[in-house]
C-alpha cells in the first residue's frame, strides 16, 4: 500500500471521529491502533504493501479491582 493510501485511510478515520494512534513495532511496518466501543484493532501496513489486521473483541464482561492482582500474577515477571 502506498503512503498516499495510508494517509487517506487516516484522514477517513479522523473524518469519522474514530480514535487511533500510530506506532512501530516491527522494522518493516507501521502500526495503526484503533479503539472503538468493545473492540481494539491493530492494522499493520507492511513495507511490501501487504496489510495485516488483528481484532480484539470484548466479551462484554466487566471486572472489579481484584482483577489487577490476576494481571500481576499471570503476566508480570
PDB file of N, CA and C in Angstrom:
ATOM      1  N   UNK A   1       0.847  -1.165   0.000  1.00  0.00           N
ATOM      2  CA  UNK A   1       0.000   0.000   0.000  1.00  0.00           C
ATOM      3  C   UNK A   1       0.901   1.240   0.000  1.00  0.00           C
ATOM      4  N   UNK A   2       0.585   2.193  -0.833  1.00  0.00           N
ATOM      5  CA  UNK A   2       1.382   3.409  -0.937  1.00  0.00           C
ATOM      6  C   UNK A   2       1.085   4.351   0.224  1.00  0.00           C
ATOM      7  N   UNK A   3       2.020   5.251   0.488  1.00  0.00           N
ATOM      8  CA  UNK A   3       1.863   6.206   1.584  1.00  0.00           C
ATOM      9  C   UNK A   3       0.601   7.054   1.398  1.00  0.00           C
ATOM     10  N   UNK A   4       0.270   7.396   0.166  1.00  0.00           N
ATOM     11  CA  UNK A   4      -0.938   8.188  -0.108  1.00  0.00           C
ATOM     12  C   UNK A   4      -2.178   7.450   0.376  1.00  0.00           C
ATOM     13  N   UNK A   5      -2.232   6.145   0.163  1.00  0.00           N
ATOM     14  CA  UNK A   5      -3.380   5.355   0.598  1.00  0.00           C
ATOM     15  C   UNK A   5      -3.458   5.299   2.126  1.00  0.00           C
ATOM     16  N   UNK A   6      -2.306   5.238   2.788  1.00  0.00           N
ATOM     17  CA  UNK A   6      -2.288   5.222   4.256  1.00  0.00           C
ATOM     18  C   UNK A   6      -2.784   6.564   4.794  1.00  0.00           C
ATOM     19  N   UNK A   7      -2.326   7.656   4.189  1.00  0.00           N
ATOM     20  CA  UNK A   7      -2.781   8.981   4.611  1.00  0.00           C
ATOM     21  C   UNK A   7      -4.281   9.126   4.391  1.00  0.00           C
ATOM     22  N   UNK A   8      -4.783   8.665   3.258  1.00  0.00           N
ATOM     23  CA  UNK A   8      -6.229   8.708   3.003  1.00  0.00           C
ATOM     24  C   UNK A   8      -6.993   7.893   4.037  1.00  0.00           C
ATOM     25  N   UNK A   9      -6.451   6.741   4.399  1.00  0.00           N
ATOM     26  CA  UNK A   9      -7.071   5.894   5.420  1.00  0.00           C
ATOM     27  C   UNK A   9      -7.147   6.641   6.750  1.00  0.00           C
ATOM     28  N   UNK A  10      -6.042   7.267   7.167  1.00  0.00           N
ATOM     29  CA  UNK A  10      -6.009   8.011   8.427  1.00  0.00           C
ATOM     30  C   UNK A  10      -6.967   9.201   8.386  1.00  0.00           C
ATOM     31  N   UNK A  11      -7.024   9.891   7.252  1.00  0.00           N
ATOM     32  CA  UNK A  11      -7.960  11.003   7.108  1.00  0.00           C
ATOM     33  C   UNK A  11      -9.407  10.540   7.229  1.00  0.00           C
ATOM     34  N   UNK A  12      -9.691   9.364   6.697  1.00  0.00           N
ATOM     35  CA  UNK A  12     -11.054   8.824   6.795  1.00  0.00           C
ATOM     36  C   UNK A  12     -11.390   8.480   8.252  1.00  0.00           C
ATOM     37  N   UNK A  13     -10.430   7.906   8.977  1.00  0.00           N
ATOM     38  CA  UNK A  13     -10.644   7.640  10.401  1.00  0.00           C
ATOM     39  C   UNK A  13     -10.962   8.936  11.136  1.00  0.00           C
ATOM     40  N   UNK A  14     -10.139   9.968  10.888  1.00  0.00           N
ATOM     41  CA  UNK A  14     -10.346  11.258  11.537  1.00  0.00           C
ATOM     42  C   UNK A  14     -11.697  11.851  11.167  1.00  0.00           C
ATOM     43  N   UNK A  15     -12.068  11.760   9.910  1.00  0.00           N
ATOM     44  CA  UNK A  15     -13.352  12.275   9.449  1.00  0.00           C
ATOM     45  C   UNK A  15     -14.537  11.558  10.068  1.00  0.00           C
ATOM     46  N   UNK A  16     -14.300  10.317  10.492  1.00  0.00           N
ATOM     47  CA  UNK A  16     -15.355   9.516  11.136  1.00  0.00           C
ATOM     48  C   UNK A  16     -15.267   9.562  12.655  1.00  0.00           C
ATOM     49  N   UNK A  17     -14.360  10.404  13.176  1.00  0.00           N
ATOM     50  CA  UNK A  17     -14.146  10.526  14.627  1.00  0.00           C
ATOM     51  C   UNK A  17     -13.801   9.195  15.284  1.00  0.00           C
ATOM     52  N   UNK A  18     -12.984   8.398  14.603  1.00  0.00           N
ATOM     53  CA  UNK A  18     -12.514   7.127  15.146  1.00  0.00           C
ATOM     54  C   UNK A  18     -11.118   7.344  15.717  1.00  0.00           C
ATOM     55  N   UNK A  19     -10.950   7.043  17.018  1.00  0.00           N
ATOM     56  CA  UNK A  19      -9.668   7.248  17.686  1.00  0.00           C
ATOM     57  C   UNK A  19      -8.638   6.253  17.162  1.00  0.00           C
ATOM     58  N   UNK A  20      -7.438   6.751  16.910  1.00  0.00           N
ATOM     59  CA  UNK A  20      -6.327   5.882  16.520  1.00  0.00           C
ATOM     60  C   UNK A  20      -5.027   6.479  17.026  1.00  0.00           C
ATOM     61  N   UNK A  21      -4.022   5.637  17.056  1.00  0.00           N
ATOM     62  CA  UNK A  21      -2.665   6.126  17.286  1.00  0.00           C
ATOM     63  C   UNK A  21      -1.719   5.324  16.422  1.00  0.00           C
ATOM     64  N   UNK A  22      -0.623   5.963  16.061  1.00  0.00           N
ATOM     65  CA  UNK A  22       0.397   5.332  15.222  1.00  0.00           C
ATOM     66  C   UNK A  22       1.549   4.873  16.085  1.00  0.00           C
ATOM     67  N   UNK A  23       2.090   3.738  15.727  1.00  0.00           N
ATOM     68  CA  UNK A  23       3.303   3.267  16.382  1.00  0.00           C
ATOM     69  C   UNK A  23       4.046   2.347  15.429  1.00  0.00           C
ATOM     70  N   UNK A  24       5.178   1.865  15.891  1.00  0.00           N
ATOM     71  CA  UNK A  24       6.007   0.980  15.078  1.00  0.00           C
ATOM     72  C   UNK A  24       6.529  -0.120  15.975  1.00  0.00           C
ATOM     73  N   UNK A  25       6.146  -1.355  15.674  1.00  0.00           N
ATOM     74  CA  UNK A  25       6.580  -2.496  16.462  1.00  0.00           C
ATOM     75  C   UNK A  25       7.602  -3.322  15.676  1.00  0.00           C
ATOM     76  N   UNK A  26       7.331  -3.494  14.408  1.00  0.00           N
ATOM     77  CA  UNK A  26       8.246  -4.241  13.534  1.00  0.00           C
ATOM     78  C   UNK A  26       9.067  -3.267  12.691  1.00  0.00           C
ATOM     79  N   UNK A  27      10.246  -3.693  12.314  1.00  0.00           N
ATOM     80  CA  UNK A  27      11.109  -2.847  11.476  1.00  0.00           C
ATOM     81  C   UNK A  27      10.476  -2.523  10.130  1.00  0.00           C
ATOM     82  N   UNK A  28       9.651  -3.421   9.630  1.00  0.00           N
ATOM     83  CA  UNK A  28       9.128  -3.301   8.274  1.00  0.00           C
ATOM     84  C   UNK A  28       7.667  -2.870   8.210  1.00  0.00           C
ATOM     85  N   UNK A  29       7.140  -2.248   9.290  1.00  0.00           N
ATOM     86  CA  UNK A  29       5.712  -1.927   9.287  1.00  0.00           C
ATOM     87  C   UNK A  29       5.391  -0.691  10.111  1.00  0.00           C
ATOM     88  N   UNK A  30       4.287  -0.064   9.754  1.00  0.00           N
ATOM     89  CA  UNK A  30       3.683   0.995  10.555  1.00  0.00           C
ATOM     90  C   UNK A  30       2.401   0.420  11.142  1.00  0.00           C
ATOM     91  N   UNK A  31       2.204   0.627  12.428  1.00  0.00           N
ATOM     92  CA  UNK A  31       1.041   0.071  13.125  1.00  0.00           C
ATOM     93  C   UNK A  31       0.048   1.188  13.416  1.00  0.00           C
ATOM     94  N   UNK A  32      -1.209   0.950  13.047  1.00  0.00           N
ATOM     95  CA  UNK A  32      -2.304   1.847  13.400  1.00  0.00           C
ATOM     96  C   UNK A  32      -3.163   1.094  14.410  1.00  0.00           C
ATOM     97  N   UNK A  33      -3.243   1.645  15.620  1.00  0.00           N
ATOM     98  CA  UNK A  33      -4.067   1.044  16.670  1.00  0.00           C
ATOM     99  C   UNK A  33      -5.366   1.842  16.740  1.00  0.00           C
ATOM    100  N   UNK A  34      -6.481   1.136  16.636  1.00  0.00           N
ATOM    101  CA  UNK A  34      -7.800   1.766  16.597  1.00  0.00           C
ATOM    102  C   UNK A  34      -8.622   1.273  17.775  1.00  0.00           C
ATOM    103  N   UNK A  35      -9.291   2.218  18.443  1.00  0.00           N
ATOM    104  CA  UNK A  35     -10.153   1.870  19.573  1.00  0.00           C
ATOM    105  C   UNK A  35     -11.574   2.318  19.252  1.00  0.00           C
ATOM    106  N   UNK A  36     -12.485   1.359  19.230  1.00  0.00           N
ATOM    107  CA  UNK A  36     -13.917   1.628  19.081  1.00  0.00           C
ATOM    108  C   UNK A  36     -14.629   0.878  20.202  1.00  0.00           C
ATOM    109  N   UNK A  37     -15.867   1.244  20.520  1.00  0.00           N
ATOM    110  CA  UNK A  37     -16.543   0.579  21.641  1.00  0.00           C
ATOM    111  C   UNK A  37     -16.534  -0.947  21.521  1.00  0.00           C
ATOM    112  N   UNK A  38     -15.968  -1.595  22.532  1.00  0.00           N
ATOM    113  CA  UNK A  38     -15.941  -3.049  22.596  1.00  0.00           C
ATOM    114  C   UNK A  38     -14.894  -3.728  21.734  1.00  0.00           C
ATOM    115  N   UNK A  39     -14.093  -2.947  21.020  1.00  0.00           N
ATOM    116  CA  UNK A  39     -13.094  -3.544  20.136  1.00  0.00           C
ATOM    117  C   UNK A  39     -11.837  -2.690  20.096  1.00  0.00           C
ATOM    118  N   UNK A  40     -10.744  -3.369  19.802  1.00  0.00           N
ATOM    119  CA  UNK A  40      -9.476  -2.715  19.509  1.00  0.00           C
ATOM    120  C   UNK A  40      -8.913  -3.405  18.276  1.00  0.00           C
ATOM    121  N   UNK A  41      -8.513  -2.636  17.320  1.00  0.00           N
ATOM    122  CA  UNK A  41      -7.954  -3.168  16.081  1.00  0.00           C
ATOM    123  C   UNK A  41      -6.490  -2.770  15.980  1.00  0.00           C
ATOM    124  N   UNK A  42      -5.665  -3.676  15.478  1.00  0.00           N
ATOM    125  CA  UNK A  42      -4.283  -3.382  15.139  1.00  0.00           C
ATOM    126  C   UNK A  42      -4.126  -3.647  13.643  1.00  0.00           C
ATOM    127  N   UNK A  43      -3.821  -2.586  12.913  1.00  0.00           N
ATOM    128  CA  UNK A  43      -3.651  -2.703  11.465  1.00  0.00           C
ATOM    129  C   UNK A  43      -2.208  -2.345  11.149  1.00  0.00           C
ATOM    130  N   UNK A  44      -1.486  -3.299  10.568  1.00  0.00           N
ATOM    131  CA  UNK A  44      -0.091  -3.071  10.207  1.00  0.00           C
ATOM    132  C   UNK A  44       0.039  -2.959   8.693  1.00  0.00           C
ATOM    133  N   UNK A  45       0.639  -1.853   8.285  1.00  0.00           N
ATOM    134  CA  UNK A  45       0.929  -1.608   6.881  1.00  0.00           C
ATOM    135  C   UNK A  45       2.392  -1.970   6.668  1.00  0.00           C
ATOM    136  N   UNK A  46       2.608  -3.050   5.922  1.00  0.00           N
ATOM    137  CA  UNK A  46       3.943  -3.601   5.733  1.00  0.00           C
ATOM    138  C   UNK A  46       4.651  -2.904   4.566  1.00  0.00           C
ATOM    139  N   UNK A  47       5.990  -2.896   4.614  1.00  0.00           N
ATOM    140  CA  UNK A  47       6.771  -2.231   3.566  1.00  0.00           C
ATOM    141  C   UNK A  47       6.596  -2.885   2.198  1.00  0.00           C
ATOM    142  N   UNK A  48       6.205  -4.162   2.167  1.00  0.00           N
ATOM    143  CA  UNK A  48       5.996  -4.832   0.868  1.00  0.00           C
ATOM    144  C   UNK A  48       4.590  -4.587   0.307  1.00  0.00           C
ATOM    145  N   UNK A  49       3.781  -3.755   1.006  1.00  0.00           N
ATOM    146  CA  UNK A  49       2.449  -3.409   0.510  1.00  0.00           C
ATOM    147  C   UNK A  49       1.313  -4.210   1.118  1.00  0.00           C
ATOM    148  N   UNK A  50       1.631  -5.264   1.846  1.00  0.00           N
ATOM    149  CA  UNK A  50       0.561  -6.048   2.456  1.00  0.00           C
ATOM    150  C   UNK A  50       0.052  -5.342   3.711  1.00  0.00           C
ATOM    151  N   UNK A  51      -1.151  -5.721   4.110  1.00  0.00           N
ATOM    152  CA  UNK A  51      -1.790  -5.171   5.293  1.00  0.00           C
ATOM    153  C   UNK A  51      -2.236  -6.343   6.154  1.00  0.00           C
ATOM    154  N   UNK A  52      -1.899  -6.287   7.448  1.00  0.00           N
ATOM    155  CA  UNK A  52      -2.322  -7.318   8.392  1.00  0.00           C
ATOM    156  C   UNK A  52      -3.217  -6.674   9.433  1.00  0.00           C
ATOM    157  N   UNK A  53      -4.374  -7.296   9.695  1.00  0.00           N
ATOM    158  CA  UNK A  53      -5.332  -6.765  10.659  1.00  0.00           C
ATOM    159  C   UNK A  53      -5.609  -7.802  11.734  1.00  0.00           C
ATOM    160  N   UNK A  54      -5.487  -7.373  12.982  1.00  0.00           N
ATOM    161  CA  UNK A  54      -5.841  -8.218  14.113  1.00  0.00           C
ATOM    162  C   UNK A  54      -6.879  -7.466  14.934  1.00  0.00           C
ATOM    163  N   UNK A  55      -7.984  -8.171  15.297  1.00  0.00           N
ATOM    164  CA  UNK A  55      -9.058  -7.555  16.073  1.00  0.00           C
ATOM    165  C   UNK A  55      -9.123  -8.194  17.449  1.00  0.00           C
ATOM    166  N   UNK A  56      -9.323  -7.363  18.449  1.00  0.00           N
ATOM    167  CA  UNK A  56      -9.517  -7.811  19.819  1.00  0.00           C
ATOM    168  C   UNK A  56     -10.922  -7.363  20.208  1.00  0.00           C
ATOM    169  N   UNK A  57     -11.810  -8.339  20.436  1.00  0.00           N
ATOM    170  CA  UNK A  57     -13.216  -8.033  20.667  1.00  0.00           C
ATOM    171  C   UNK A  57     -13.586  -8.400  22.091  1.00  0.00           C
ATOM    172  N   UNK A  58     -14.214  -7.464  22.781  1.00  0.00           N
ATOM    173  CA  UNK A  58     -14.607  -7.660  24.176  1.00  0.00           C
ATOM    174  C   UNK A  58     -15.733  -8.676  24.286  1.00  0.00           C
ATOM    175  N   UNK A  59     -15.723  -9.409  25.394  1.00  0.00           N
ATOM    176  CA  UNK A  59     -16.824 -10.333  25.667  1.00  0.00           C
ATOM    177  C   UNK A  59     -17.962  -9.630  26.417  1.00  0.00           C
ATOM    178  N   UNK A  60     -17.782  -8.319  26.645  1.00  0.00           N
ATOM    179  CA  UNK A  60     -18.818  -7.541  27.310  1.00  0.00           C
ATOM    180  C   UNK A  60     -18.788  -7.624  28.828  1.00  0.00           C
ATOM    181  N   UNK A  61     -17.847  -8.385  29.372  1.00  0.00           N
ATOM    182  CA  UNK A  61     -17.745  -8.532  30.825  1.00  0.00           C
ATOM    183  C   UNK A  61     -16.933  -7.392  31.414  1.00  0.00           C
ATOM    184  N   UNK A  62     -17.319  -6.982  32.610  1.00  0.00           N
ATOM    185  CA  UNK A  62     -16.558  -6.000  33.378  1.00  0.00           C
ATOM    186  C   UNK A  62     -16.085  -6.662  34.655  1.00  0.00           C
ATOM    187  N   UNK A  63     -14.929  -6.236  35.142  1.00  0.00           N
ATOM    188  CA  UNK A  63     -14.320  -6.855  36.311  1.00  0.00           C
ATOM    189  C   UNK A  63     -14.052  -5.794  37.367  1.00  0.00           C
ATOM    190  N   UNK A  64     -13.958  -6.230  38.605  1.00  0.00           N
ATOM    191  CA  UNK A  64     -13.648  -5.280  39.670  1.00  0.00           C
ATOM    192  C   UNK A  64     -12.141  -5.175  39.851  1.00  0.00           C
ATOM    193  N   UNK A  65     -11.737  -4.372  40.815  1.00  0.00           N
ATOM    194  CA  UNK A  65     -10.327  -4.068  41.035  1.00  0.00           C
ATOM    195  C   UNK A  65      -9.489  -5.306  41.363  1.00  0.00           C
ATOM    196  N   UNK A  66     -10.116  -6.363  41.829  1.00  0.00           N
ATOM    197  CA  UNK A  66      -9.375  -7.593  42.144  1.00  0.00           C
ATOM    198  C   UNK A  66      -8.713  -8.204  40.907  1.00  0.00           C
ATOM    199  N   UNK A  67      -9.221  -7.870  39.754  1.00  0.00           N
ATOM    200  CA  UNK A  67      -8.662  -8.415  38.514  1.00  0.00           C
ATOM    201  C   UNK A  67      -7.223  -7.942  38.296  1.00  0.00           C
ATOM    202  N   UNK A  68      -6.859  -6.808  38.880  1.00  0.00           N
ATOM    203  CA  UNK A  68      -5.488  -6.300  38.748  1.00  0.00           C
ATOM    204  C   UNK A  68      -4.495  -7.291  39.341  1.00  0.00           C
ATOM    205  N   UNK A  69      -4.844  -7.937  40.429  1.00  0.00           N
ATOM    206  CA  UNK A  69      -3.963  -8.949  41.022  1.00  0.00           C
ATOM    207  C   UNK A  69      -3.736 -10.105  40.058  1.00  0.00           C
ATOM    208  N   UNK A  70      -4.768 -10.464  39.311  1.00  0.00           N
ATOM    209  CA  UNK A  70      -4.618 -11.530  38.308  1.00  0.00           C
ATOM    210  C   UNK A  70      -3.634 -11.091  37.222  1.00  0.00           C
ATOM    211  N   UNK A  71      -3.689  -9.832  36.844  1.00  0.00           N
ATOM    212  CA  UNK A  71      -2.748  -9.308  35.871  1.00  0.00           C
ATOM    213  C   UNK A  71      -1.326  -9.490  36.352  1.00  0.00           C
ATOM    214  N   UNK A  72      -1.072  -9.108  37.613  1.00  0.00           N
ATOM    215  CA  UNK A  72       0.273  -9.271  38.186  1.00  0.00           C
ATOM    216  C   UNK A  72       0.671 -10.743  38.245  1.00  0.00           C
ATOM    217  N   UNK A  73      -0.238 -11.564  38.688  1.00  0.00           N
ATOM    218  CA  UNK A  73       0.053 -12.995  38.845  1.00  0.00           C
ATOM    219  C   UNK A  73       0.357 -13.669  37.516  1.00  0.00           C
ATOM    220  N   UNK A  74      -0.435 -13.344  36.495  1.00  0.00           N
ATOM    221  CA  UNK A  74      -0.333 -14.059  35.220  1.00  0.00           C
ATOM    222  C   UNK A  74       0.676 -13.480  34.224  1.00  0.00           C
ATOM    223  N   UNK A  75       0.969 -12.173  34.333  1.00  0.00           N
ATOM    224  CA  UNK A  75       1.713 -11.567  33.232  1.00  0.00           C
ATOM    225  C   UNK A  75       2.968 -10.792  33.611  1.00  0.00           C
ATOM    226  N   UNK A  76       3.200 -10.530  34.873  1.00  0.00           N
ATOM    227  CA  UNK A  76       4.376  -9.750  35.243  1.00  0.00           C
ATOM    228  C   UNK A  76       5.420 -10.676  35.852  1.00  0.00           C
ATOM    229  N   UNK A  77       6.661 -10.536  35.385  1.00  0.00           N
ATOM    230  CA  UNK A  77       7.757 -11.390  35.870  1.00  0.00           C
ATOM    231  C   UNK A  77       8.117 -11.072  37.294  1.00  0.00           C
TER     232      UNK A  77
END
